[in-house]
PDB file of N, CA and C in Angstrom:
ATOM      1  N   UNK A   1       0.839  -1.164   0.000  1.00  0.00           N
ATOM      2  CA  UNK A   1       0.000   0.000   0.000  1.00  0.00           C
ATOM      3  C   UNK A   1       0.893   1.239   0.000  1.00  0.00           C
ATOM      4  N   UNK A   2       0.585   2.180  -0.878  1.00  0.00           N
ATOM      5  CA  UNK A   2       1.302   3.453  -0.910  1.00  0.00           C
ATOM      6  C   UNK A   2       0.512   4.471  -0.111  1.00  0.00           C
ATOM      7  N   UNK A   3       1.175   5.152   0.764  1.00  0.00           N
ATOM      8  CA  UNK A   3       0.528   6.226   1.502  1.00  0.00           C
ATOM      9  C   UNK A   3       1.386   7.467   1.391  1.00  0.00           C
ATOM     10  N   UNK A   4       0.755   8.599   1.493  1.00  0.00           N
ATOM     11  CA  UNK A   4       1.453   9.869   1.377  1.00  0.00           C
ATOM     12  C   UNK A   4       1.691  10.443   2.760  1.00  0.00           C
ATOM     13  N   UNK A   5       2.889  10.912   2.986  1.00  0.00           N
ATOM     14  CA  UNK A   5       3.235  11.587   4.226  1.00  0.00           C
ATOM     15  C   UNK A   5       3.623  13.007   3.849  1.00  0.00           C
ATOM     16  N   UNK A   6       2.976  13.951   4.436  1.00  0.00           N
ATOM     17  CA  UNK A   6       3.282  15.343   4.175  1.00  0.00           C
ATOM     18  C   UNK A   6       4.286  15.813   5.215  1.00  0.00           C
ATOM     19  N   UNK A   7       5.347  16.453   4.762  1.00  0.00           N
ATOM     20  CA  UNK A   7       6.394  16.898   5.683  1.00  0.00           C
ATOM     21  C   UNK A   7       6.537  18.411   5.585  1.00  0.00           C
ATOM     22  N   UNK A   8       6.403  19.041   6.705  1.00  0.00           N
ATOM     23  CA  UNK A   8       6.659  20.465   6.814  1.00  0.00           C
ATOM     24  C   UNK A   8       7.810  20.584   7.811  1.00  0.00           C
ATOM     25  N   UNK A   9       8.959  21.023   7.332  1.00  0.00           N
ATOM     26  CA  UNK A   9      10.135  21.074   8.200  1.00  0.00           C
ATOM     27  C   UNK A   9      10.911  22.360   7.964  1.00  0.00           C
ATOM     28  N   UNK A  10      11.424  22.881   9.039  1.00  0.00           N
ATOM     29  CA  UNK A  10      12.317  24.031   8.930  1.00  0.00           C
ATOM     30  C   UNK A  10      13.730  23.506   8.739  1.00  0.00           C
ATOM     31  N   UNK A  11      14.438  24.099   7.798  1.00  0.00           N
ATOM     32  CA  UNK A  11      15.826  23.712   7.564  1.00  0.00           C
ATOM     33  C   UNK A  11      16.690  24.962   7.702  1.00  0.00           C
ATOM     34  N   UNK A  12      17.956  24.774   8.047  1.00  0.00           N
ATOM     35  CA  UNK A  12      18.847  25.934   8.170  1.00  0.00           C
ATOM     36  C   UNK A  12      18.914  26.714   6.853  1.00  0.00           C
ATOM     37  N   UNK A  13      19.058  28.011   6.966  1.00  0.00           N
ATOM     38  CA  UNK A  13      19.079  28.866   5.782  1.00  0.00           C
ATOM     39  C   UNK A  13      20.189  28.477   4.807  1.00  0.00           C
ATOM     40  N   UNK A  14      21.352  28.079   5.328  1.00  0.00           N
ATOM     41  CA  UNK A  14      22.452  27.673   4.457  1.00  0.00           C
ATOM     42  C   UNK A  14      22.057  26.458   3.615  1.00  0.00           C
ATOM     43  N   UNK A  15      21.357  25.519   4.225  1.00  0.00           N
ATOM     44  CA  UNK A  15      20.895  24.330   3.502  1.00  0.00           C
ATOM     45  C   UNK A  15      19.838  24.714   2.466  1.00  0.00           C
ATOM     46  N   UNK A  16      18.955  25.617   2.830  1.00  0.00           N
ATOM     47  CA  UNK A  16      17.928  26.100   1.898  1.00  0.00           C
ATOM     48  C   UNK A  16      18.567  26.758   0.678  1.00  0.00           C
ATOM     49  N   UNK A  17      19.547  27.615   0.915  1.00  0.00           N
ATOM     50  CA  UNK A  17      20.225  28.295  -0.190  1.00  0.00           C
ATOM     51  C   UNK A  17      20.968  27.295  -1.087  1.00  0.00           C
ATOM     52  N   UNK A  18      21.594  26.311  -0.473  1.00  0.00           N
ATOM     53  CA  UNK A  18      22.304  25.291  -1.247  1.00  0.00           C
ATOM     54  C   UNK A  18      21.327  24.478  -2.073  1.00  0.00           C
ATOM     55  N   UNK A  19      20.186  24.112  -1.496  1.00  0.00           N
ATOM     56  CA  UNK A  19      19.159  23.368  -2.232  1.00  0.00           C
ATOM     57  C   UNK A  19      18.619  24.208  -3.380  1.00  0.00           C
ATOM     58  N   UNK A  20      18.326  25.465  -3.121  1.00  0.00           N
ATOM     59  CA  UNK A  20      17.820  26.358  -4.162  1.00  0.00           C
ATOM     60  C   UNK A  20      18.815  26.468  -5.307  1.00  0.00           C
ATOM     61  N   UNK A  21      20.078  26.635  -4.974  1.00  0.00           N
ATOM     62  CA  UNK A  21      21.124  26.735  -5.990  1.00  0.00           C
ATOM     63  C   UNK A  21      21.232  25.438  -6.794  1.00  0.00           C
ATOM     64  N   UNK A  22      21.166  24.310  -6.107  1.00  0.00           N
ATOM     65  CA  UNK A  22      21.235  23.016  -6.785  1.00  0.00           C
ATOM     66  C   UNK A  22      20.073  22.855  -7.764  1.00  0.00           C
ATOM     67  N   UNK A  23      18.872  23.187  -7.313  1.00  0.00           N
ATOM     68  CA  UNK A  23      17.695  23.026  -8.165  1.00  0.00           C
ATOM     69  C   UNK A  23      17.726  23.956  -9.372  1.00  0.00           C
ATOM     70  N   UNK A  24      18.319  25.132  -9.206  1.00  0.00           N
ATOM     71  CA  UNK A  24      18.442  26.062 -10.331  1.00  0.00           C
ATOM     72  C   UNK A  24      19.381  25.534 -11.408  1.00  0.00           C
ATOM     73  N   UNK A  25      20.370  24.751 -11.009  1.00  0.00           N
ATOM     74  CA  UNK A  25      21.354  24.250 -11.977  1.00  0.00           C
ATOM     75  C   UNK A  25      21.085  22.822 -12.423  1.00  0.00           C
ATOM     76  N   UNK A  26      20.069  22.177 -11.867  1.00  0.00           N
ATOM     77  CA  UNK A  26      19.702  20.804 -12.233  1.00  0.00           C
ATOM     78  C   UNK A  26      18.205  20.738 -12.518  1.00  0.00           C
ATOM     79  N   UNK A  27      17.788  21.129 -13.713  1.00  0.00           N
ATOM     80  CA  UNK A  27      16.362  21.222 -14.023  1.00  0.00           C
ATOM     81  C   UNK A  27      15.618  19.882 -14.002  1.00  0.00           C
ATOM     82  N   UNK A  28      16.326  18.772 -14.068  1.00  0.00           N
ATOM     83  CA  UNK A  28      15.666  17.460 -14.009  1.00  0.00           C
ATOM     84  C   UNK A  28      15.245  17.093 -12.596  1.00  0.00           C
ATOM     85  N   UNK A  29      15.735  17.829 -11.619  1.00  0.00           N
ATOM     86  CA  UNK A  29      15.424  17.548 -10.215  1.00  0.00           C
ATOM     87  C   UNK A  29      14.433  18.575  -9.693  1.00  0.00           C
ATOM     88  N   UNK A  30      13.622  18.156  -8.738  1.00  0.00           N
ATOM     89  CA  UNK A  30      12.765  19.082  -8.010  1.00  0.00           C
ATOM     90  C   UNK A  30      12.911  18.795  -6.521  1.00  0.00           C
ATOM     91  N   UNK A  31      12.288  19.621  -5.718  1.00  0.00           N
ATOM     92  CA  UNK A  31      12.420  19.507  -4.268  1.00  0.00           C
ATOM     93  C   UNK A  31      11.982  18.135  -3.772  1.00  0.00           C
ATOM     94  N   UNK A  32      10.889  17.609  -4.287  1.00  0.00           N
ATOM     95  CA  UNK A  32      10.399  16.309  -3.840  1.00  0.00           C
ATOM     96  C   UNK A  32      11.385  15.195  -4.161  1.00  0.00           C
ATOM     97  N   UNK A  33      11.984  15.259  -5.333  1.00  0.00           N
ATOM     98  CA  UNK A  33      12.957  14.235  -5.729  1.00  0.00           C
ATOM     99  C   UNK A  33      14.195  14.286  -4.843  1.00  0.00           C
ATOM    100  N   UNK A  34      14.659  15.480  -4.534  1.00  0.00           N
ATOM    101  CA  UNK A  34      15.825  15.636  -3.655  1.00  0.00           C
ATOM    102  C   UNK A  34      15.533  15.078  -2.265  1.00  0.00           C
ATOM    103  N   UNK A  35      14.363  15.420  -1.725  1.00  0.00           N
ATOM    104  CA  UNK A  35      14.016  14.928  -0.392  1.00  0.00           C
ATOM    105  C   UNK A  35      13.845  13.414  -0.373  1.00  0.00           C
ATOM    106  N   UNK A  36      13.246  12.839  -1.434  1.00  0.00           N
ATOM    107  CA  UNK A  36      13.086  11.383  -1.499  1.00  0.00           C
ATOM    108  C   UNK A  36      14.450  10.700  -1.534  1.00  0.00           C
ATOM    109  N   UNK A  37      15.383  11.247  -2.323  1.00  0.00           N
ATOM    110  CA  UNK A  37      16.721  10.669  -2.403  1.00  0.00           C
ATOM    111  C   UNK A  37      17.451  10.796  -1.063  1.00  0.00           C
ATOM    112  N   UNK A  38      17.358  11.957  -0.455  1.00  0.00           N
ATOM    113  CA  UNK A  38      18.061  12.185   0.813  1.00  0.00           C
ATOM    114  C   UNK A  38      17.493  11.319   1.933  1.00  0.00           C
ATOM    115  N   UNK A  39      16.182  11.239   2.021  1.00  0.00           N
ATOM    116  CA  UNK A  39      15.561  10.458   3.087  1.00  0.00           C
ATOM    117  C   UNK A  39      15.808   8.963   2.905  1.00  0.00           C
ATOM    118  N   UNK A  40      15.699   8.480   1.683  1.00  0.00           N
ATOM    119  CA  UNK A  40      15.944   7.052   1.459  1.00  0.00           C
ATOM    120  C   UNK A  40      17.412   6.702   1.713  1.00  0.00           C
ATOM    121  N   UNK A  41      18.341   7.582   1.334  1.00  0.00           N
ATOM    122  CA  UNK A  41      19.751   7.330   1.623  1.00  0.00           C
ATOM    123  C   UNK A  41      19.996   7.317   3.126  1.00  0.00           C
ATOM    124  N   UNK A  42      19.393   8.253   3.858  1.00  0.00           N
ATOM    125  CA  UNK A  42      19.520   8.265   5.316  1.00  0.00           C
ATOM    126  C   UNK A  42      19.025   6.947   5.910  1.00  0.00           C
ATOM    127  N   UNK A  43      17.854   6.477   5.471  1.00  0.00           N
ATOM    128  CA  UNK A  43      17.308   5.229   5.996  1.00  0.00           C
ATOM    129  C   UNK A  43      18.186   4.036   5.651  1.00  0.00           C
ATOM    130  N   UNK A  44      18.786   4.049   4.462  1.00  0.00           N
ATOM    131  CA  UNK A  44      19.707   2.969   4.085  1.00  0.00           C
ATOM    132  C   UNK A  44      20.942   2.967   4.982  1.00  0.00           C
ATOM    133  N   UNK A  45      21.475   4.132   5.239  1.00  0.00           N
ATOM    134  CA  UNK A  45      22.696   4.236   6.027  1.00  0.00           C
ATOM    135  C   UNK A  45      22.468   3.955   7.508  1.00  0.00           C
ATOM    136  N   UNK A  46      21.256   4.190   7.986  1.00  0.00           N
ATOM    137  CA  UNK A  46      20.991   4.070   9.418  1.00  0.00           C
ATOM    138  C   UNK A  46      20.068   2.927   9.791  1.00  0.00           C
ATOM    139  N   UNK A  47      19.631   2.171   8.814  1.00  0.00           N
ATOM    140  CA  UNK A  47      18.738   1.053   9.088  1.00  0.00           C
ATOM    141  C   UNK A  47      19.530  -0.237   9.252  1.00  0.00           C
ATOM    142  N   UNK A  48      18.806  -1.273   9.613  1.00  0.00           N
ATOM    143  CA  UNK A  48      19.431  -2.588   9.689  1.00  0.00           C
ATOM    144  C   UNK A  48      18.490  -3.569   9.018  1.00  0.00           C
ATOM    145  N   UNK A  49      18.998  -4.687   8.628  1.00  0.00           N
ATOM    146  CA  UNK A  49      18.156  -5.684   7.970  1.00  0.00           C
ATOM    147  C   UNK A  49      18.297  -7.015   8.700  1.00  0.00           C
ATOM    148  N   UNK A  50      18.139  -6.979  10.017  1.00  0.00           N
ATOM    149  CA  UNK A  50      18.334  -8.174  10.831  1.00  0.00           C
ATOM    150  C   UNK A  50      17.107  -9.076  10.875  1.00  0.00           C
ATOM    151  N   UNK A  51      15.929  -8.538  10.634  1.00  0.00           N
ATOM    152  CA  UNK A  51      14.719  -9.371  10.625  1.00  0.00           C
ATOM    153  C   UNK A  51      14.067  -9.298   9.254  1.00  0.00           C
ATOM    154  N   UNK A  52      13.072 -10.125   9.032  1.00  0.00           N
ATOM    155  CA  UNK A  52      12.391 -10.152   7.734  1.00  0.00           C
ATOM    156  C   UNK A  52      11.715  -8.822   7.438  1.00  0.00           C
ATOM    157  N   UNK A  53      11.035  -8.243   8.431  1.00  0.00           N
ATOM    158  CA  UNK A  53      10.346  -6.970   8.217  1.00  0.00           C
ATOM    159  C   UNK A  53      11.320  -5.838   7.933  1.00  0.00           C
ATOM    160  N   UNK A  54      12.396  -5.753   8.710  1.00  0.00           N
ATOM    161  CA  UNK A  54      13.358  -4.674   8.474  1.00  0.00           C
ATOM    162  C   UNK A  54      14.119  -4.904   7.180  1.00  0.00           C
ATOM    163  N   UNK A  55      14.336  -6.145   6.817  1.00  0.00           N
ATOM    164  CA  UNK A  55      14.994  -6.448   5.551  1.00  0.00           C
ATOM    165  C   UNK A  55      14.134  -5.984   4.378  1.00  0.00           C
ATOM    166  N   UNK A  56      12.839  -6.203   4.490  1.00  0.00           N
ATOM    167  CA  UNK A  56      11.907  -5.767   3.446  1.00  0.00           C
ATOM    168  C   UNK A  56      11.901  -4.242   3.363  1.00  0.00           C
ATOM    169  N   UNK A  57      11.893  -3.571   4.499  1.00  0.00           N
ATOM    170  CA  UNK A  57      11.915  -2.116   4.530  1.00  0.00           C
ATOM    171  C   UNK A  57      13.224  -1.582   3.939  1.00  0.00           C
ATOM    172  N   UNK A  58      14.318  -2.250   4.254  1.00  0.00           N
ATOM    173  CA  UNK A  58      15.629  -1.849   3.727  1.00  0.00           C
ATOM    174  C   UNK A  58      15.639  -1.944   2.197  1.00  0.00           C
ATOM    175  N   UNK A  59      15.111  -3.043   1.666  1.00  0.00           N
ATOM    176  CA  UNK A  59      15.044  -3.216   0.206  1.00  0.00           C
ATOM    177  C   UNK A  59      14.135  -2.164  -0.427  1.00  0.00           C
ATOM    178  N   UNK A  60      13.048  -1.835   0.251  1.00  0.00           N
ATOM    179  CA  UNK A  60      12.137  -0.806  -0.258  1.00  0.00           C
ATOM    180  C   UNK A  60      12.830   0.551  -0.301  1.00  0.00           C
ATOM    181  N   UNK A  61      13.564   0.886   0.752  1.00  0.00           N
ATOM    182  CA  UNK A  61      14.299   2.160   0.778  1.00  0.00           C
ATOM    183  C   UNK A  61      15.358   2.182  -0.313  1.00  0.00           C
ATOM    184  N   UNK A  62      16.021   1.060  -0.532  1.00  0.00           N
ATOM    185  CA  UNK A  62      17.036   0.978  -1.590  1.00  0.00           C
ATOM    186  C   UNK A  62      16.393   1.179  -2.964  1.00  0.00           C
ATOM    187  N   UNK A  63      15.232   0.590  -3.161  1.00  0.00           N
ATOM    188  CA  UNK A  63      14.525   0.730  -4.433  1.00  0.00           C
ATOM    189  C   UNK A  63      14.137   2.184  -4.677  1.00  0.00           C
ATOM    190  N   UNK A  64      13.604   2.852  -3.651  1.00  0.00           N
ATOM    191  CA  UNK A  64      13.231   4.265  -3.777  1.00  0.00           C
ATOM    192  C   UNK A  64      14.462   5.103  -4.090  1.00  0.00           C
ATOM    193  N   UNK A  65      15.546   4.842  -3.384  1.00  0.00           N
ATOM    194  CA  UNK A  65      16.773   5.617  -3.596  1.00  0.00           C
ATOM    195  C   UNK A  65      17.272   5.479  -5.035  1.00  0.00           C
ATOM    196  N   UNK A  66      17.381   4.258  -5.505  1.00  0.00           N
ATOM    197  CA  UNK A  66      17.892   4.042  -6.862  1.00  0.00           C
ATOM    198  C   UNK A  66      16.939   4.572  -7.920  1.00  0.00           C
ATOM    199  N   UNK A  67      15.646   4.370  -7.734  1.00  0.00           N
ATOM    200  CA  UNK A  67      14.673   4.909  -8.694  1.00  0.00           C
ATOM    201  C   UNK A  67      14.731   6.425  -8.734  1.00  0.00           C
ATOM    202  N   UNK A  68      14.900   7.036  -7.579  1.00  0.00           N
ATOM    203  CA  UNK A  68      14.963   8.497  -7.511  1.00  0.00           C
ATOM    204  C   UNK A  68      16.200   9.027  -8.213  1.00  0.00           C
ATOM    205  N   UNK A  69      17.318   8.363  -8.030  1.00  0.00           N
ATOM    206  CA  UNK A  69      18.554   8.830  -8.667  1.00  0.00           C
ATOM    207  C   UNK A  69      18.531   8.701 -10.180  1.00  0.00           C
ATOM    208  N   UNK A  70      17.978   7.614 -10.679  1.00  0.00           N
ATOM    209  CA  UNK A  70      18.082   7.321 -12.100  1.00  0.00           C
ATOM    210  C   UNK A  70      16.825   7.634 -12.908  1.00  0.00           C
ATOM    211  N   UNK A  71      15.808   8.118 -12.254  1.00  0.00           N
ATOM    212  CA  UNK A  71      14.576   8.483 -12.924  1.00  0.00           C
ATOM    213  C   UNK A  71      14.682   9.937 -13.368  1.00  0.00           C
ATOM    214  N   UNK A  72      14.289  10.208 -14.602  1.00  0.00           N
ATOM    215  CA  UNK A  72      14.391  11.584 -15.101  1.00  0.00           C
ATOM    216  C   UNK A  72      13.248  12.478 -14.639  1.00  0.00           C
ATOM    217  N   UNK A  73      12.102  11.907 -14.379  1.00  0.00           N
ATOM    218  CA  UNK A  73      11.005  12.687 -13.816  1.00  0.00           C
ATOM    219  C   UNK A  73      10.381  11.886 -12.703  1.00  0.00           C
ATOM    220  N   UNK A  74      10.192  12.523 -11.574  1.00  0.00           N
ATOM    221  CA  UNK A  74       9.712  11.830 -10.390  1.00  0.00           C
ATOM    222  C   UNK A  74       8.272  12.147 -10.132  1.00  0.00           C
TER     223      UNK A  74
END
């Protein structure tokens, strides 16, 4: 099942400016794609796959990360 999670978060101004600059120079990317890539990479780096459920979640995060990186439109 796919569900949508809405995220409203404050980020440091330096990070905002860097994101804005990145998006201006990479027209194939948008804010949602950047956040999906960043969040899935974070979950990959900080998750574990010791049980069946966490292993499935880990594979799902890996799939999202790779699809986000190599997909031209998200």
